[in-house]
Amino acid sequence: MSFVPGQPVTAVVQKVQIQKLRQGPNLILGFSIGGGMDQDPCQNPFSEDKCDKGIYVTRITPNGPADVAGLRMGDKIMQVNGWDMTMVTHDQARKTLTKKKEDVVRLLVTRKSLEDAVKKSKGHYHAEDDKDENSTMSPWKEQQQVLKNH
């Protein structure tokens, strides 16, 4: 998904709710992020056009809270607990995700397979566009909504 600063964005998103795991005084999410307005988008392996400065999931701890909740590597984080994550620095995103007072993190994420499933359901999809042959996404089975960022 491409993003042009100052232009409206329409994205197909999925809700992901992560229950943080308590380990002593720490609350564990079980994933790492990359990207941000202060980072070089050319280094982002998940950006299609290498211009996207969004926040992406770069690592998932197997069987950790994020994995159990359905978060995937390459997911682009659009919102965290209602806060817009489309134009934040890496540090701002990290601080929003790791607030100590929150045991639950509610994310809105987008991923290419969600966009492809919607295109397919609307008849605007071509088989040669499908790069993920193992995808089982269905727009009817995923919790989705359209997020419009003005």
N, C-alpha and C. Protein backbone atom coordinates (compact mmCIF):
# COMPACT_ATOMS: atom_id res chain seq x y z
N MET A 1 0.85 -1.17 0.00
CA MET A 1 0.00 0.00 0.00
C MET A 1 0.89 1.24 0.00
N SER A 2 0.62 2.13 -0.88
CA SER A 2 1.40 3.36 -1.00
C SER A 2 0.73 4.48 -0.23
N PHE A 3 1.54 5.36 0.33
CA PHE A 3 1.02 6.47 1.11
C PHE A 3 1.70 7.75 0.66
N VAL A 4 0.91 8.76 0.32
CA VAL A 4 1.44 10.06 -0.07
C VAL A 4 1.03 11.06 1.00
N PRO A 5 2.02 11.66 1.71
CA PRO A 5 1.68 12.62 2.77
C PRO A 5 0.75 13.72 2.26
N GLY A 6 -0.27 14.02 3.07
CA GLY A 6 -1.23 15.06 2.72
C GLY A 6 -2.41 14.58 1.90
N GLN A 7 -2.35 13.33 1.42
CA GLN A 7 -3.43 12.79 0.61
C GLN A 7 -4.26 11.81 1.45
N PRO A 8 -5.57 11.75 1.18
CA PRO A 8 -6.41 10.79 1.92
C PRO A 8 -5.94 9.36 1.68
N VAL A 9 -6.09 8.53 2.70
CA VAL A 9 -5.70 7.13 2.60
C VAL A 9 -6.93 6.28 2.88
N THR A 10 -7.17 5.30 2.01
CA THR A 10 -8.20 4.31 2.26
C THR A 10 -7.49 2.97 2.38
N ALA A 11 -7.73 2.26 3.45
CA ALA A 11 -7.07 0.97 3.67
C ALA A 11 -8.06 -0.03 4.23
N VAL A 12 -7.92 -1.27 3.82
CA VAL A 12 -8.69 -2.36 4.42
C VAL A 12 -7.91 -2.80 5.64
N VAL A 13 -8.55 -2.77 6.79
CA VAL A 13 -7.84 -3.08 8.03
C VAL A 13 -8.49 -4.25 8.77
N GLN A 14 -7.70 -4.85 9.63
CA GLN A 14 -8.17 -5.92 10.50
C GLN A 14 -7.91 -5.50 11.93
N LYS A 15 -8.85 -5.81 12.81
CA LYS A 15 -8.66 -5.55 14.23
C LYS A 15 -7.86 -6.69 14.83
N VAL A 16 -6.84 -6.33 15.61
CA VAL A 16 -6.05 -7.32 16.33
C VAL A 16 -5.96 -6.84 17.77
N GLN A 17 -6.39 -7.68 18.70
CA GLN A 17 -6.35 -7.33 20.12
C GLN A 17 -5.33 -8.23 20.80
N ILE A 18 -4.30 -7.59 21.39
CA ILE A 18 -3.22 -8.34 22.02
C ILE A 18 -3.30 -8.16 23.54
N GLN A 19 -3.40 -9.27 24.24
CA GLN A 19 -3.35 -9.27 25.70
C GLN A 19 -1.88 -9.38 26.09
N LYS A 20 -1.34 -8.32 26.71
CA LYS A 20 0.07 -8.34 27.10
C LYS A 20 0.32 -9.44 28.12
N LEU A 21 1.50 -10.06 28.01
CA LEU A 21 1.92 -11.10 28.94
C LEU A 21 2.75 -10.45 30.04
N ARG A 22 2.37 -10.70 31.28
CA ARG A 22 3.07 -10.09 32.41
C ARG A 22 4.22 -11.01 32.83
N GLN A 23 5.45 -10.45 32.80
CA GLN A 23 6.63 -11.15 33.29
C GLN A 23 7.30 -10.25 34.33
N GLY A 24 6.98 -10.48 35.59
CA GLY A 24 7.47 -9.61 36.65
C GLY A 24 6.90 -8.21 36.45
N PRO A 25 7.76 -7.20 36.44
CA PRO A 25 7.27 -5.83 36.24
C PRO A 25 7.04 -5.48 34.76
N ASN A 26 7.43 -6.39 33.86
CA ASN A 26 7.33 -6.12 32.42
C ASN A 26 6.04 -6.66 31.82
N LEU A 27 5.55 -5.95 30.82
CA LEU A 27 4.41 -6.42 30.01
C LEU A 27 4.93 -6.69 28.61
N ILE A 28 4.77 -7.93 28.14
CA ILE A 28 5.35 -8.38 26.88
C ILE A 28 4.28 -8.42 25.79
N LEU A 29 4.58 -7.84 24.63
CA LEU A 29 3.70 -7.89 23.47
C LEU A 29 4.06 -9.04 22.53
N GLY A 30 5.34 -9.35 22.40
CA GLY A 30 5.76 -10.45 21.55
C GLY A 30 5.94 -10.09 20.09
N PHE A 31 6.26 -8.82 19.81
CA PHE A 31 6.59 -8.46 18.44
C PHE A 31 7.48 -7.23 18.43
N SER A 32 8.16 -7.04 17.30
CA SER A 32 9.02 -5.88 17.09
C SER A 32 8.51 -5.08 15.90
N ILE A 33 8.85 -3.79 15.89
CA ILE A 33 8.42 -2.91 14.80
C ILE A 33 9.63 -2.28 14.12
N GLY A 34 9.38 -1.82 12.91
CA GLY A 34 10.35 -1.04 12.15
C GLY A 34 9.62 0.07 11.44
N GLY A 35 10.38 1.05 10.97
CA GLY A 35 9.79 2.15 10.22
C GLY A 35 9.52 3.35 11.08
N GLY A 36 8.90 4.33 10.48
CA GLY A 36 8.59 5.59 11.15
C GLY A 36 9.02 6.76 10.29
N MET A 37 8.49 7.93 10.61
CA MET A 37 8.77 9.13 9.83
C MET A 37 10.26 9.51 9.86
N ASP A 38 10.97 9.08 10.89
CA ASP A 38 12.38 9.42 11.03
C ASP A 38 13.31 8.33 10.49
N GLN A 39 12.77 7.31 9.85
CA GLN A 39 13.57 6.19 9.36
C GLN A 39 13.66 6.22 7.83
N ASP A 40 14.66 5.54 7.28
CA ASP A 40 14.86 5.46 5.83
C ASP A 40 13.92 4.39 5.27
N PRO A 41 12.91 4.78 4.48
CA PRO A 41 11.94 3.80 3.97
C PRO A 41 12.56 2.81 2.98
N CYS A 42 13.71 3.14 2.42
CA CYS A 42 14.37 2.21 1.49
C CYS A 42 14.86 0.95 2.20
N GLN A 43 15.02 1.03 3.52
CA GLN A 43 15.48 -0.12 4.31
C GLN A 43 14.33 -1.04 4.72
N ASN A 44 13.10 -0.65 4.42
CA ASN A 44 11.93 -1.41 4.84
C ASN A 44 11.65 -2.54 3.85
N PRO A 45 11.82 -3.80 4.25
CA PRO A 45 11.59 -4.91 3.33
C PRO A 45 10.11 -5.14 3.00
N PHE A 46 9.20 -4.50 3.73
CA PHE A 46 7.77 -4.72 3.51
C PHE A 46 7.12 -3.64 2.67
N SER A 47 7.80 -2.53 2.42
CA SER A 47 7.26 -1.43 1.62
C SER A 47 7.39 -1.77 0.14
N GLU A 48 6.28 -1.73 -0.58
CA GLU A 48 6.30 -2.07 -2.00
C GLU A 48 7.02 -1.02 -2.83
N ASP A 49 6.80 0.26 -2.51
CA ASP A 49 7.38 1.32 -3.34
C ASP A 49 8.61 1.98 -2.70
N LYS A 50 9.04 1.48 -1.55
CA LYS A 50 10.21 1.98 -0.82
C LYS A 50 10.11 3.46 -0.46
N CYS A 51 8.90 3.99 -0.40
CA CYS A 51 8.67 5.37 0.02
C CYS A 51 7.82 5.43 1.29
N ASP A 52 7.32 4.29 1.72
CA ASP A 52 6.37 4.22 2.84
C ASP A 52 7.11 4.31 4.16
N LYS A 53 6.80 5.33 4.95
CA LYS A 53 7.42 5.53 6.25
C LYS A 53 6.53 5.06 7.39
N GLY A 54 5.63 4.13 7.09
CA GLY A 54 4.73 3.60 8.10
C GLY A 54 5.43 2.70 9.10
N ILE A 55 4.68 2.27 10.11
CA ILE A 55 5.18 1.37 11.16
C ILE A 55 4.77 -0.05 10.77
N TYR A 56 5.76 -0.92 10.64
CA TYR A 56 5.54 -2.30 10.22
C TYR A 56 6.00 -3.29 11.29
N VAL A 57 5.33 -4.44 11.33
CA VAL A 57 5.73 -5.53 12.21
C VAL A 57 6.90 -6.25 11.55
N THR A 58 8.04 -6.30 12.23
CA THR A 58 9.25 -6.90 11.65
C THR A 58 9.60 -8.26 12.25
N ARG A 59 9.04 -8.57 13.40
CA ARG A 59 9.34 -9.85 14.05
C ARG A 59 8.18 -10.22 14.96
N ILE A 60 7.87 -11.51 14.98
CA ILE A 60 6.82 -12.06 15.87
C ILE A 60 7.46 -13.18 16.70
N THR A 61 7.26 -13.13 18.00
CA THR A 61 7.73 -14.21 18.87
C THR A 61 6.77 -15.38 18.73
N PRO A 62 7.27 -16.56 18.29
CA PRO A 62 6.39 -17.72 18.14
C PRO A 62 5.64 -18.02 19.45
N ASN A 63 4.33 -18.20 19.33
CA ASN A 63 3.44 -18.51 20.46
C ASN A 63 3.36 -17.39 21.49
N GLY A 64 3.86 -16.21 21.17
CA GLY A 64 3.76 -15.07 22.07
C GLY A 64 2.39 -14.41 21.93
N PRO A 65 2.14 -13.38 22.72
CA PRO A 65 0.83 -12.72 22.69
C PRO A 65 0.42 -12.21 21.30
N ALA A 66 1.34 -11.61 20.55
CA ALA A 66 1.00 -11.10 19.21
C ALA A 66 0.70 -12.23 18.24
N ASP A 67 1.47 -13.32 18.32
CA ASP A 67 1.25 -14.48 17.45
C ASP A 67 -0.11 -15.10 17.73
N VAL A 68 -0.44 -15.27 19.00
CA VAL A 68 -1.73 -15.84 19.40
C VAL A 68 -2.89 -14.96 18.93
N ALA A 69 -2.68 -13.63 18.93
CA ALA A 69 -3.73 -12.69 18.52
C ALA A 69 -3.90 -12.61 17.00
N GLY A 70 -2.96 -13.16 16.24
CA GLY A 70 -3.09 -13.15 14.78
C GLY A 70 -2.30 -12.08 14.06
N LEU A 71 -1.42 -11.38 14.75
CA LEU A 71 -0.56 -10.40 14.10
C LEU A 71 0.44 -11.15 13.22
N ARG A 72 0.83 -10.53 12.09
CA ARG A 72 1.74 -11.19 11.15
C ARG A 72 2.91 -10.28 10.81
N MET A 73 4.04 -10.90 10.50
CA MET A 73 5.17 -10.13 10.02
C MET A 73 4.75 -9.41 8.73
N GLY A 74 5.13 -8.15 8.62
CA GLY A 74 4.77 -7.37 7.44
C GLY A 74 3.50 -6.58 7.60
N ASP A 75 2.73 -6.82 8.67
CA ASP A 75 1.53 -6.02 8.91
C ASP A 75 1.93 -4.56 9.11
N LYS A 76 1.16 -3.66 8.53
CA LYS A 76 1.36 -2.23 8.73
C LYS A 76 0.39 -1.78 9.81
N ILE A 77 0.91 -1.16 10.86
CA ILE A 77 0.08 -0.72 11.98
C ILE A 77 -0.49 0.65 11.65
N MET A 78 -1.82 0.73 11.57
CA MET A 78 -2.50 1.98 11.22
C MET A 78 -2.93 2.74 12.48
N GLN A 79 -3.38 2.00 13.50
CA GLN A 79 -3.82 2.60 14.76
C GLN A 79 -3.42 1.71 15.93
N VAL A 80 -3.17 2.36 17.08
CA VAL A 80 -2.94 1.66 18.35
C VAL A 80 -3.86 2.30 19.37
N ASN A 81 -4.80 1.53 19.88
CA ASN A 81 -5.76 2.02 20.88
C ASN A 81 -6.38 3.36 20.46
N GLY A 82 -6.71 3.46 19.19
CA GLY A 82 -7.35 4.66 18.66
C GLY A 82 -6.40 5.76 18.21
N TRP A 83 -5.11 5.63 18.48
CA TRP A 83 -4.13 6.64 18.08
C TRP A 83 -3.63 6.35 16.67
N ASP A 84 -3.62 7.37 15.83
CA ASP A 84 -3.15 7.27 14.45
C ASP A 84 -1.65 6.97 14.43
N MET A 85 -1.25 5.95 13.70
CA MET A 85 0.17 5.57 13.61
C MET A 85 0.73 5.79 12.20
N THR A 86 0.01 6.51 11.35
CA THR A 86 0.46 6.66 9.96
C THR A 86 1.55 7.70 9.78
N MET A 87 1.70 8.62 10.73
CA MET A 87 2.73 9.65 10.59
C MET A 87 3.42 9.91 11.92
N VAL A 88 4.04 8.86 12.47
CA VAL A 88 4.74 8.97 13.74
C VAL A 88 6.19 8.52 13.57
N THR A 89 7.04 8.95 14.49
CA THR A 89 8.41 8.47 14.49
C THR A 89 8.44 7.06 15.07
N HIS A 90 9.56 6.40 14.89
CA HIS A 90 9.72 5.05 15.43
C HIS A 90 9.55 5.06 16.96
N ASP A 91 10.18 6.05 17.60
CA ASP A 91 10.12 6.14 19.06
C ASP A 91 8.70 6.43 19.57
N GLN A 92 7.96 7.29 18.86
CA GLN A 92 6.57 7.57 19.24
C GLN A 92 5.73 6.30 19.17
N ALA A 93 5.93 5.51 18.11
CA ALA A 93 5.18 4.26 17.95
C ALA A 93 5.53 3.29 19.07
N ARG A 94 6.81 3.15 19.38
CA ARG A 94 7.26 2.25 20.44
C ARG A 94 6.64 2.64 21.78
N LYS A 95 6.65 3.94 22.09
CA LYS A 95 6.10 4.41 23.37
C LYS A 95 4.59 4.19 23.44
N THR A 96 3.89 4.37 22.34
CA THR A 96 2.44 4.16 22.31
C THR A 96 2.11 2.69 22.55
N LEU A 97 2.90 1.79 21.96
CA LEU A 97 2.66 0.36 22.11
C LEU A 97 3.00 -0.17 23.50
N THR A 98 3.94 0.45 24.17
CA THR A 98 4.46 -0.13 25.42
C THR A 98 4.03 0.63 26.67
N LYS A 99 2.93 1.36 26.61
CA LYS A 99 2.45 2.06 27.80
C LYS A 99 2.21 1.07 28.93
N LYS A 100 2.76 1.36 30.09
CA LYS A 100 2.71 0.44 31.23
C LYS A 100 1.31 0.23 31.79
N LYS A 101 0.43 1.21 31.65
CA LYS A 101 -0.90 1.11 32.25
C LYS A 101 -1.87 0.27 31.43
N GLU A 102 -1.47 -0.13 30.22
CA GLU A 102 -2.38 -0.85 29.33
C GLU A 102 -2.03 -2.32 29.26
N ASP A 103 -2.95 -3.18 29.70
CA ASP A 103 -2.74 -4.63 29.62
C ASP A 103 -3.16 -5.18 28.26
N VAL A 104 -3.99 -4.41 27.53
CA VAL A 104 -4.48 -4.83 26.23
C VAL A 104 -4.13 -3.75 25.21
N VAL A 105 -3.65 -4.20 24.05
CA VAL A 105 -3.36 -3.28 22.95
C VAL A 105 -4.28 -3.65 21.80
N ARG A 106 -5.05 -2.66 21.34
CA ARG A 106 -5.97 -2.87 20.22
C ARG A 106 -5.38 -2.19 18.99
N LEU A 107 -5.10 -3.01 17.97
CA LEU A 107 -4.49 -2.51 16.75
C LEU A 107 -5.46 -2.56 15.58
N LEU A 108 -5.28 -1.64 14.66
CA LEU A 108 -5.85 -1.77 13.33
C LEU A 108 -4.65 -1.92 12.41
N VAL A 109 -4.60 -3.04 11.69
CA VAL A 109 -3.48 -3.31 10.80
C VAL A 109 -4.00 -3.55 9.39
N THR A 110 -3.13 -3.31 8.44
CA THR A 110 -3.45 -3.65 7.05
C THR A 110 -2.36 -4.56 6.53
N ARG A 111 -2.73 -5.38 5.57
CA ARG A 111 -1.76 -6.27 4.92
C ARG A 111 -2.23 -6.51 3.50
N LYS A 112 -1.31 -6.83 2.64
CA LYS A 112 -1.62 -6.99 1.22
C LYS A 112 -2.71 -8.03 0.98
N SER A 113 -2.70 -9.12 1.72
CA SER A 113 -3.69 -10.18 1.49
C SER A 113 -5.11 -9.69 1.80
N LEU A 114 -5.26 -8.73 2.72
CA LEU A 114 -6.59 -8.16 2.99
C LEU A 114 -7.06 -7.35 1.80
N GLU A 115 -6.17 -6.51 1.25
CA GLU A 115 -6.52 -5.71 0.08
C GLU A 115 -6.87 -6.60 -1.09
N ASP A 116 -6.08 -7.68 -1.30
CA ASP A 116 -6.32 -8.60 -2.40
C ASP A 116 -7.67 -9.31 -2.24
N ALA A 117 -8.03 -9.68 -1.02
CA ALA A 117 -9.30 -10.37 -0.78
C ALA A 117 -10.47 -9.47 -1.11
N VAL A 118 -10.38 -8.20 -0.77
CA VAL A 118 -11.45 -7.26 -1.09
C VAL A 118 -11.54 -7.04 -2.59
N LYS A 119 -10.40 -6.89 -3.25
CA LYS A 119 -10.41 -6.74 -4.71
C LYS A 119 -11.05 -7.95 -5.36
N LYS A 120 -10.70 -9.14 -4.86
CA LYS A 120 -11.25 -10.38 -5.41
C LYS A 120 -12.76 -10.43 -5.24
N SER A 121 -13.25 -10.01 -4.06
CA SER A 121 -14.69 -10.06 -3.80
C SER A 121 -15.46 -9.05 -4.65
N LYS A 122 -14.78 -7.98 -5.06
CA LYS A 122 -15.44 -6.96 -5.88
C LYS A 122 -15.25 -7.20 -7.37
N GLY A 123 -14.53 -8.26 -7.72
CA GLY A 123 -14.33 -8.57 -9.13
C GLY A 123 -13.22 -7.77 -9.78
N HIS A 124 -12.40 -7.07 -9.00
CA HIS A 124 -11.30 -6.28 -9.54
C HIS A 124 -9.97 -6.98 -9.32
N TYR A 125 -10.00 -8.28 -9.26
CA TYR A 125 -8.82 -9.04 -8.90
C TYR A 125 -8.46 -9.95 -10.07
N HIS A 126 -7.17 -10.05 -10.32
CA HIS A 126 -6.68 -10.94 -11.38
C HIS A 126 -5.76 -11.97 -10.75
N ALA A 127 -5.87 -13.21 -11.17
CA ALA A 127 -5.10 -14.30 -10.58
C ALA A 127 -3.60 -14.03 -10.62
N GLU A 128 -3.12 -13.36 -11.68
CA GLU A 128 -1.68 -13.09 -11.77
C GLU A 128 -1.21 -12.09 -10.72
N ASP A 129 -2.15 -11.38 -10.09
CA ASP A 129 -1.79 -10.44 -9.03
C ASP A 129 -1.55 -11.15 -7.71
N ASP A 130 -1.95 -12.40 -7.59
CA ASP A 130 -1.86 -13.14 -6.34
C ASP A 130 -0.45 -13.67 -6.14
N LYS A 131 0.32 -13.01 -5.28
CA LYS A 131 1.69 -13.43 -5.01
C LYS A 131 1.75 -14.37 -3.82
N ASP A 132 0.70 -14.42 -3.01
CA ASP A 132 0.67 -15.28 -1.82
C ASP A 132 -0.35 -16.38 -2.06
N GLU A 133 0.10 -17.47 -2.68
CA GLU A 133 -0.81 -18.55 -3.04
C GLU A 133 -1.37 -19.29 -1.83
N ASN A 134 -0.72 -19.17 -0.68
CA ASN A 134 -1.17 -19.88 0.52
C ASN A 134 -2.14 -19.05 1.35
N SER A 135 -2.49 -17.86 0.87
CA SER A 135 -3.37 -16.99 1.64
C SER A 135 -4.76 -17.59 1.75
N THR A 136 -5.31 -17.56 2.95
CA THR A 136 -6.67 -18.08 3.16
C THR A 136 -7.59 -16.96 3.61
N MET A 137 -7.16 -15.72 3.39
CA MET A 137 -7.97 -14.58 3.82
C MET A 137 -9.29 -14.55 3.07
N SER A 138 -10.31 -14.22 3.76
CA SER A 138 -11.61 -14.02 3.17
C SER A 138 -12.19 -12.74 3.74
N PRO A 139 -12.70 -11.85 2.88
CA PRO A 139 -13.25 -10.61 3.42
C PRO A 139 -14.46 -10.86 4.30
N TRP A 140 -15.05 -12.04 4.20
CA TRP A 140 -16.24 -12.34 4.99
C TRP A 140 -15.85 -12.92 6.34
N LYS A 141 -14.66 -13.48 6.47
CA LYS A 141 -14.25 -14.10 7.72
C LYS A 141 -13.40 -13.18 8.57
N GLU A 142 -12.75 -12.20 7.96
CA GLU A 142 -11.92 -11.26 8.70
C GLU A 142 -12.77 -10.14 9.26
N GLN A 143 -12.38 -9.62 10.39
CA GLN A 143 -13.03 -8.42 10.90
C GLN A 143 -12.36 -7.26 10.20
N GLN A 144 -13.11 -6.59 9.33
CA GLN A 144 -12.53 -5.54 8.53
C GLN A 144 -13.37 -4.29 8.60
N GLN A 145 -12.74 -3.19 8.32
CA GLN A 145 -13.45 -1.94 8.14
C GLN A 145 -12.57 -1.06 7.30
N VAL A 146 -13.15 -0.03 6.75
CA VAL A 146 -12.38 0.89 5.94
C VAL A 146 -11.97 2.06 6.83
N LEU A 147 -10.69 2.34 6.83
CA LEU A 147 -10.15 3.43 7.62
C LEU A 147 -9.82 4.55 6.66
N LYS A 148 -10.44 5.69 6.84
CA LYS A 148 -10.16 6.84 6.00
C LYS A 148 -9.43 7.88 6.84
N ASN A 149 -8.23 8.18 6.41
CA ASN A 149 -7.38 9.12 7.14
C ASN A 149 -7.29 10.40 6.33
N HIS A 150 -7.82 11.47 6.85
CA HIS A 150 -7.80 12.74 6.11
C HIS A 150 -6.70 13.61 6.60
